[in-house]
């Protein structure tokens, strides 16, 4: 997409252009494309061609927060590439997207604040030559889309999105960061809750939905955070009434506060009845007013339960190096 000259060979050297077969992908899919090299005036040799997936991550350090780029997948796609003068060379590649890759597009439209890209690095005489990012529009999985659709049904409005360095307590993660999609709450909760943050942690077999509500303080109390966590298989997540489950959790948060509580998403019409997941077709379809492109269907049975309490741990485990760049 971004053709550039290889400065290591000087004027008249070869140029490189990385072309993706499609800029659209889903977590867990494979990105395909070609690294196209056009020979220059003289023969050239490239030691290695390396592709990486990169996103922007926010890191908290004390009372301060700073951002950087994190490389979360790195793959050698070719070694000892000979480029004859004036001749083209095409190197095909397959790049697997981790299941926890952040969502950067909803309904085919970019999600503000989010970036995931493919970076091409050519190692020439032992020195790396890093190129620009080729953006990838990572859409939600069908299971994730059902949850986003529920936010639209409930009247949430999109506020912002970013990626935070750290791990979520009690949830297995492959990557050392997680995405937060922030929403303004529905009108009926606006006086009690400032915002709700949504995080997906996804694996081939399971979708974990983590919610964080920022509660407003009163005249005699300070504000607090409340957390919720839902586990479901991808198949069950597509048949779960997420609007009922999230709505019930939000009602409990606004009434009880951030104290630990356990339960199952309630049956529509019986919000306090544990252990009976909702049935599809109980809620109408509509787009969230601030998410512009939140689409998808309704949902029907959640596996596992809901946990309110402190579940997010804002820290790296074991000082994991994510390849941040200043």
Protein backbone atom coordinates (compact mmCIF):
# COMPACT_ATOMS: atom_id res chain seq x y z
CA UNK A 1 0.00 0.00 0.00
CA UNK A 2 2.85 2.38 0.83
CA UNK A 3 5.64 2.01 -1.73
CA UNK A 4 9.01 3.15 -0.45
CA UNK A 5 12.63 3.13 -1.55
CA UNK A 6 15.08 1.02 0.42
CA UNK A 7 17.50 3.68 1.64
CA UNK A 8 20.13 1.10 2.60
CA UNK A 9 20.91 0.64 -1.13
CA UNK A 10 21.17 4.34 -1.90
CA UNK A 11 19.79 6.17 -4.91
CA UNK A 12 18.50 3.79 -7.55
CA UNK A 13 18.01 0.96 -5.09
CA UNK A 14 14.99 -1.37 -5.00
CA UNK A 15 11.59 -0.32 -3.68
CA UNK A 16 9.07 -2.29 -1.63
CA UNK A 17 5.29 -2.24 -1.43
CA UNK A 18 3.18 -4.45 0.87
CA UNK A 19 -0.25 -5.22 -0.55
CA UNK A 20 -3.02 -6.85 1.49
CA UNK A 21 -5.55 -8.99 -0.38
CA UNK A 22 -8.21 -7.32 1.79
CA UNK A 23 -7.95 -4.69 4.53
CA UNK A 24 -10.95 -6.27 6.32
CA UNK A 25 -10.52 -9.14 8.78
CA UNK A 26 -11.91 -10.68 11.97
CA UNK A 27 -10.03 -11.87 15.07
CA UNK A 28 -8.76 -15.40 14.52
CA UNK A 29 -8.67 -15.05 10.74
CA UNK A 30 -5.59 -15.04 8.52
CA UNK A 31 -4.49 -11.92 6.62
CA UNK A 32 -3.02 -12.68 3.21
CA UNK A 33 -1.11 -10.54 0.75
CA UNK A 34 2.21 -9.96 -0.96
CA UNK A 35 5.40 -8.06 -0.28
CA UNK A 36 6.28 -6.71 -3.73
CA UNK A 37 9.86 -5.65 -4.36
CA UNK A 38 10.90 -3.85 -7.52
CA UNK A 39 14.55 -4.20 -8.43
CA UNK A 40 16.65 -1.05 -8.82
CA UNK A 41 19.71 -0.30 -10.92
CA UNK A 42 21.80 -3.05 -9.35
CA UNK A 43 21.29 -6.55 -7.97
CA UNK A 44 20.38 -6.58 -4.29
CA UNK A 45 20.15 -9.06 -1.43
CA UNK A 46 17.73 -8.83 1.49
CA UNK A 47 18.55 -10.95 4.56
CA UNK A 48 15.02 -11.28 5.90
CA UNK A 49 11.49 -9.98 5.37
CA UNK A 50 9.62 -9.66 8.66
CA UNK A 51 5.95 -8.74 9.13
CA UNK A 52 4.46 -7.65 12.44
CA UNK A 53 1.07 -6.61 13.80
CA UNK A 54 1.12 -3.33 15.68
CA UNK A 55 -1.40 -1.34 17.72
CA UNK A 56 -1.29 1.71 19.96
CA UNK A 57 -1.36 0.99 23.70
CA UNK A 58 -1.85 3.30 26.67
CA UNK A 59 0.30 2.59 29.73
CA UNK A 60 -0.37 3.93 33.22
CA UNK A 61 2.67 4.85 35.32
CA UNK A 62 1.74 6.31 38.67
CA UNK A 63 -0.56 9.26 38.05
CA UNK A 64 0.54 9.58 34.43
CA UNK A 65 -0.47 7.80 31.24
CA UNK A 66 1.58 7.59 28.08
CA UNK A 67 1.06 5.86 24.78
CA UNK A 68 3.25 3.88 22.45
CA UNK A 69 3.07 1.30 19.71
CA UNK A 70 3.01 -2.35 20.76
CA UNK A 71 4.06 -5.16 18.43
CA UNK A 72 1.91 -8.19 19.30
CA UNK A 73 2.79 -10.61 16.50
CA UNK A 74 6.04 -10.99 14.55
CA UNK A 75 6.66 -13.41 11.69
CA UNK A 76 9.53 -14.02 9.26
CA UNK A 77 8.01 -14.52 5.81
CA UNK A 78 11.21 -14.87 3.73
CA UNK A 79 14.98 -15.14 4.08
CA UNK A 80 17.89 -14.46 1.74
CA UNK A 81 15.83 -12.78 -0.97
CA UNK A 82 17.75 -12.00 -4.17
CA UNK A 83 16.43 -9.12 -6.25
CA UNK A 84 17.83 -8.80 -9.76
CA UNK A 85 18.31 -5.33 -11.24
CA UNK A 86 15.09 -4.03 -12.73
CA UNK A 87 13.12 -7.20 -11.93
CA UNK A 88 10.06 -7.58 -9.67
CA UNK A 89 9.88 -10.08 -6.80
CA UNK A 90 6.62 -11.00 -5.08
CA UNK A 91 6.69 -12.72 -1.67
CA UNK A 92 3.25 -14.05 -0.62
CA UNK A 93 2.43 -14.19 3.08
CA UNK A 94 -0.16 -15.39 5.56
CA UNK A 95 -0.42 -13.52 8.85
CA UNK A 96 -2.72 -14.96 11.56
CA UNK A 97 -4.68 -12.42 13.61
CA UNK A 98 -4.67 -13.32 17.33
CA UNK A 99 -8.13 -13.88 18.80
CA UNK A 100 -7.56 -10.96 21.19
CA UNK A 101 -6.78 -8.49 18.40
CA UNK A 102 -8.56 -5.18 19.15
CA UNK A 103 -11.61 -4.25 17.09
CA UNK A 104 -10.88 -1.28 14.85
CA UNK A 105 -14.04 -1.14 12.71
CA UNK A 106 -17.75 -1.64 13.33
CA UNK A 107 -20.13 -2.07 10.40
CA UNK A 108 -17.16 -1.61 8.06
CA UNK A 109 -16.47 1.89 9.41
CA UNK A 110 -13.31 2.77 11.40
CA UNK A 111 -13.73 2.88 15.18
CA UNK A 112 -12.40 6.26 16.38
CA UNK A 113 -9.22 6.02 18.41
CA UNK A 114 -8.29 2.51 17.25
CA UNK A 115 -5.45 1.39 15.00
CA UNK A 116 -4.13 -2.02 14.02
CA UNK A 117 -1.66 -2.31 11.17
CA UNK A 118 0.80 -4.58 9.40
CA UNK A 119 4.38 -3.33 9.46
CA UNK A 120 6.94 -4.59 6.96
CA UNK A 121 10.56 -4.76 8.11
CA UNK A 122 13.41 -5.66 5.78
CA UNK A 123 16.72 -6.67 7.34
CA UNK A 124 19.58 -5.63 5.09
CA UNK A 125 23.18 -6.42 6.08
CA UNK A 126 21.95 -7.01 9.62
CA UNK A 127 20.24 -3.61 9.95
CA UNK A 128 16.42 -3.40 10.12
CA UNK A 129 14.53 -1.06 7.79
CA UNK A 130 11.00 -0.56 9.18
CA UNK A 131 8.22 0.72 6.96
CA UNK A 132 4.92 2.44 7.62
CA UNK A 133 1.80 0.66 8.82
CA UNK A 134 -0.70 -0.82 6.40
CA UNK A 135 -4.00 -0.47 8.31
CA UNK A 136 -6.25 -3.46 8.93
CA UNK A 137 -9.95 -2.94 9.65
CA UNK A 138 -10.62 -5.59 12.29
CA UNK A 139 -14.34 -6.13 12.64
CA UNK A 140 -16.18 -7.81 15.53
CA UNK A 141 -16.84 -11.53 15.51
CA UNK A 142 -20.55 -12.45 15.25
CA UNK A 143 -20.54 -13.19 18.99
CA UNK A 144 -19.01 -9.80 19.77
CA UNK A 145 -21.39 -8.07 17.37
CA UNK A 146 -24.36 -9.40 19.36
CA UNK A 147 -23.03 -7.65 22.46
CA UNK A 148 -22.44 -4.39 20.61
CA UNK A 149 -25.95 -4.58 19.21
CA UNK A 150 -27.32 -4.93 22.74
CA UNK A 151 -25.57 -1.69 23.71
CA UNK A 152 -27.43 -0.01 20.87
CA UNK A 153 -30.74 -1.55 21.92
CA UNK A 154 -30.29 -0.29 25.48
CA UNK A 155 -29.55 3.28 24.37
CA UNK A 156 -25.83 3.51 25.12
CA UNK A 157 -23.86 6.11 23.16
CA UNK A 158 -20.29 5.54 22.03
CA UNK A 159 -17.75 7.76 23.77
CA UNK A 160 -14.23 6.53 22.90
CA UNK A 161 -12.03 3.46 22.53
CA UNK A 162 -8.44 2.64 23.37
CA UNK A 163 -6.13 -0.22 24.29
CA UNK A 164 -4.78 -0.45 27.85
CA UNK A 165 -1.63 -2.24 28.95
CA UNK A 166 -2.36 -4.84 31.62
CA UNK A 167 -4.23 -8.02 32.39
CA UNK A 168 -7.71 -8.76 33.65
CA UNK A 169 -7.80 -10.73 36.88
CA UNK A 170 -9.46 -14.12 36.57
CA UNK A 171 -9.45 -14.14 32.76
CA UNK A 172 -6.86 -15.97 30.67
CA UNK A 173 -5.15 -13.65 28.16
CA UNK A 174 -2.60 -14.37 25.47
CA UNK A 175 -1.70 -10.70 25.01
CA UNK A 176 -0.50 -8.21 27.61
CA UNK A 177 -3.18 -5.63 26.85
CA UNK A 178 -6.94 -5.33 26.44
CA UNK A 179 -9.30 -3.05 24.55
CA UNK A 180 -11.77 -0.74 26.28
CA UNK A 181 -14.78 0.62 24.40
CA UNK A 182 -16.37 3.38 26.45
CA UNK A 183 -20.04 4.35 26.33
CA UNK A 184 -22.22 6.98 27.90
CA UNK A 185 -25.00 5.18 29.82
CA UNK A 186 -28.67 5.07 28.81
CA UNK A 187 -30.65 8.14 29.83
CA UNK A 188 -32.33 6.46 32.82
CA UNK A 189 -28.91 5.82 34.43
CA UNK A 190 -27.24 9.12 33.47
CA UNK A 191 -27.58 10.62 36.95
CA UNK A 192 -26.01 7.61 38.69
CA UNK A 193 -23.41 6.25 36.26
CA UNK A 194 -20.81 8.30 34.38
CA UNK A 195 -19.81 5.73 31.79
CA UNK A 196 -19.58 2.02 31.07
CA UNK A 197 -16.49 0.37 29.59
CA UNK A 198 -16.77 -2.81 27.53
CA UNK A 199 -13.89 -5.26 27.07
CA UNK A 200 -13.82 -8.47 25.03
CA UNK A 201 -11.35 -11.27 25.76
CA UNK A 202 -11.72 -13.86 23.05
CA UNK A 203 -10.34 -17.33 22.41
CA UNK A 204 -11.23 -19.94 19.78
CA UNK A 205 -13.80 -21.47 22.15
CA UNK A 206 -15.01 -18.67 24.42
CA UNK A 207 -16.10 -15.06 24.58
CA UNK A 208 -15.55 -13.23 27.86
CA UNK A 209 -17.39 -9.92 28.25
CA UNK A 210 -16.05 -7.62 30.97
CA UNK A 211 -18.00 -4.53 31.99
CA UNK A 212 -16.87 -1.64 34.17
CA UNK A 213 -19.30 1.02 35.39
CA UNK A 214 -18.01 4.32 36.74
CA UNK A 215 -20.53 5.34 39.40
CA UNK A 216 -21.13 8.94 40.37
CA UNK A 217 -20.67 9.93 43.98
CA UNK A 218 -23.41 11.49 46.07
CA UNK A 219 -23.45 14.27 48.62
CA UNK A 220 -22.13 11.96 51.36
CA UNK A 221 -20.28 9.36 49.27
CA UNK A 222 -17.52 9.22 46.71
CA UNK A 223 -17.77 7.62 43.29
CA UNK A 224 -16.81 3.98 42.77
CA UNK A 225 -16.31 1.38 40.05
CA UNK A 226 -18.35 -1.79 39.63
CA UNK A 227 -17.37 -4.72 37.44
CA UNK A 228 -19.24 -7.49 35.68
CA UNK A 229 -17.98 -10.55 33.83
CA UNK A 230 -19.88 -12.90 31.51
CA UNK A 231 -18.55 -16.10 29.92
CA UNK A 232 -20.13 -17.79 26.90
CA UNK A 233 -19.16 -20.00 23.99
CA UNK A 234 -19.31 -18.24 20.62
CA UNK A 235 -22.38 -20.27 19.67
CA UNK A 236 -24.19 -19.47 22.91
CA UNK A 237 -23.17 -15.82 22.70
CA UNK A 238 -24.96 -15.51 19.37
CA UNK A 239 -28.16 -16.81 20.97
CA UNK A 240 -28.02 -14.83 24.21
CA UNK A 241 -30.32 -11.97 25.13
CA UNK A 242 -27.46 -9.63 25.93
CA UNK A 243 -29.74 -6.62 26.27
CA UNK A 244 -31.54 -8.34 29.16
CA UNK A 245 -28.32 -9.55 30.78
CA UNK A 246 -26.53 -6.20 30.55
CA UNK A 247 -29.64 -4.27 31.51
CA UNK A 248 -30.06 -6.41 34.63
CA UNK A 249 -26.41 -5.93 35.59
CA UNK A 250 -26.67 -2.18 35.09
CA UNK A 251 -29.77 -2.00 37.27
CA UNK A 252 -28.00 -3.94 40.03
CA UNK A 253 -24.97 -1.68 39.80
CA UNK A 254 -27.03 1.49 40.08
CA UNK A 255 -28.92 0.11 43.09
CA UNK A 256 -26.30 -1.87 45.00
CA UNK A 257 -23.00 -0.24 44.20
CA UNK A 258 -19.71 -1.99 43.56
CA UNK A 259 -20.01 -4.77 46.16
CA UNK A 260 -19.33 -8.34 45.13
CA UNK A 261 -22.37 -10.22 43.88
CA UNK A 262 -23.00 -13.37 41.89
CA UNK A 263 -25.79 -14.50 39.61
CA UNK A 264 -26.89 -15.49 36.15
CA UNK A 265 -28.42 -13.27 33.49
CA UNK A 266 -32.15 -13.13 34.06
CA UNK A 267 -34.95 -14.24 31.79
CA UNK A 268 -36.60 -11.30 29.98
CA UNK A 269 -39.56 -10.30 32.09
CA UNK A 270 -38.04 -12.03 35.16
CA UNK A 271 -34.88 -9.96 35.79
CA UNK A 272 -34.30 -11.36 39.26
CA UNK A 273 -34.67 -15.02 38.33
CA UNK A 274 -31.18 -16.58 38.20
CA UNK A 275 -30.10 -19.34 35.88
CA UNK A 276 -32.59 -18.77 33.06
CA UNK A 277 -30.92 -17.21 30.04
CA UNK A 278 -33.01 -15.00 27.81
CA UNK A 279 -34.64 -16.08 24.58
CA UNK A 280 -34.11 -14.47 21.17
CA UNK A 281 -36.59 -12.10 19.68
CA UNK A 282 -37.46 -10.23 22.87
CA UNK A 283 -35.89 -6.94 21.80
CA UNK A 284 -36.12 -4.88 18.63
CA UNK A 285 -33.20 -4.12 16.32
CA UNK A 286 -31.76 -0.65 16.10
CA UNK A 287 -28.41 1.00 15.79
CA UNK A 288 -26.83 2.65 18.80
CA UNK A 289 -27.15 6.42 18.39
CA UNK A 290 -23.45 7.01 18.99
CA UNK A 291 -21.99 3.83 17.50
CA UNK A 292 -23.29 4.62 14.05
CA UNK A 293 -22.53 1.13 12.80
CA UNK A 294 -23.51 -1.17 15.67
CA UNK A 295 -25.47 -3.80 13.79
CA UNK A 296 -26.38 -7.40 14.30
CA UNK A 297 -29.12 -9.49 15.71
CA UNK A 298 -30.55 -10.34 19.00
CA UNK A 299 -29.18 -12.80 21.34
CA UNK A 300 -30.27 -16.05 23.58
CA UNK A 301 -28.40 -18.04 26.56
CA UNK A 302 -25.34 -17.17 28.49
CA UNK A 303 -23.07 -19.74 30.08
CA UNK A 304 -21.55 -18.97 33.45
CA UNK A 305 -22.51 -16.07 35.62
CA UNK A 306 -21.96 -12.49 36.51
CA UNK A 307 -19.38 -11.27 38.97
CA UNK A 308 -19.42 -7.81 40.49
CA UNK A 309 -16.25 -6.73 42.19
CA UNK A 310 -12.71 -5.78 41.43
CA UNK A 311 -11.63 -7.82 38.42
CA UNK A 312 -9.27 -5.58 36.49
CA UNK A 313 -5.59 -5.51 37.33
CA UNK A 314 -3.86 -2.56 35.67
CA UNK A 315 -0.38 -4.06 35.40
CA UNK A 316 1.82 -6.29 33.34
CA UNK A 317 2.44 -9.73 34.75
CA UNK A 318 6.12 -10.46 35.06
CA UNK A 319 7.21 -7.36 33.19
CA UNK A 320 6.23 -8.75 29.80
CA UNK A 321 7.94 -6.95 26.92
CA UNK A 322 5.39 -5.97 24.28
CA UNK A 323 7.88 -4.16 22.08
CA UNK A 324 6.82 -0.62 22.87
CA UNK A 325 8.33 2.08 20.73
CA UNK A 326 8.80 5.60 21.97
